[in-house]
Amino acid sequence: MERISRKAREKSPEMDPLRLGTGWTREDLEKPQIMIESTFVFPAATRDCPGT
């Protein structure tokens, strides 16, 4: 079974060298990668922002 992250690595091959440069190991690169996105905003953060 091919991982989705493998396809993403093929599309952006520069990411592995960048990650290695920030302290990742080659073993870390082989681990499954999970992306977590959130649209949650603290109400206090929007209170003082113009246009919200």
Protein backbone atom coordinates (compact mmCIF):
# COMPACT_ATOMS: atom_id res chain seq x y z
CA MET A 1 0.00 0.00 0.00
CA GLU A 2 1.45 3.34 -1.05
CA ARG A 3 1.24 6.21 1.40
CA ILE A 4 -0.16 9.56 0.36
CA SER A 5 2.93 11.19 1.86
CA ARG A 6 5.05 9.28 -0.66
CA LYS A 7 3.20 10.99 -3.51
CA ALA A 8 3.66 14.37 -1.82
CA ARG A 9 7.40 13.70 -1.52
CA GLU A 10 7.58 13.03 -5.25
CA LYS A 11 5.92 16.38 -5.98
CA SER A 12 8.24 18.36 -3.69
CA PRO A 13 11.61 16.59 -3.49
CA GLU A 14 13.21 19.62 -1.81
CA MET A 15 11.37 18.89 1.45
CA ASP A 16 13.59 15.97 2.51
CA PRO A 17 16.83 18.02 2.43
CA LEU A 18 15.07 20.89 4.22
CA ARG A 19 13.84 18.57 6.96
CA LEU A 20 17.27 16.97 7.33
CA GLY A 21 18.69 20.48 7.74
CA THR A 22 16.31 21.19 10.61
CA GLY A 23 17.29 18.16 12.67
CA TRP A 24 15.20 15.35 11.21
CA THR A 25 16.94 11.99 10.74
CA ARG A 26 16.61 9.65 7.76
CA GLU A 27 14.50 7.41 10.01
CA ASP A 28 12.16 10.36 10.66
CA LEU A 29 11.67 10.80 6.92
CA GLU A 30 10.41 7.23 6.61
CA LYS A 31 7.76 7.65 9.32
CA PRO A 32 4.17 8.41 8.28
CA GLN A 33 3.53 12.14 8.14
CA ILE A 34 0.29 13.63 9.40
CA MET A 35 -0.87 17.16 8.60
CA ILE A 36 -3.25 18.76 11.05
CA GLU A 37 -5.17 21.85 10.01
CA SER A 38 -7.39 23.99 12.15
CA THR A 39 -9.58 27.01 11.52
CA PHE A 40 -10.26 27.66 15.19
CA VAL A 41 -9.59 31.26 16.31
CA PHE A 42 -9.68 32.48 19.88
CA PRO A 43 -12.40 35.15 20.23
CA ALA A 44 -9.96 37.50 22.02
CA ALA A 45 -7.67 37.40 18.98
CA THR A 46 -10.41 38.74 16.68
CA ARG A 47 -11.78 41.37 19.05
CA ASP A 48 -9.00 43.91 18.40
CA CYS A 49 -8.48 43.14 14.73
CA PRO A 50 -9.97 45.65 12.31
CA GLY A 51 -12.37 44.21 9.79
CA THR A 52 -13.48 41.22 11.86
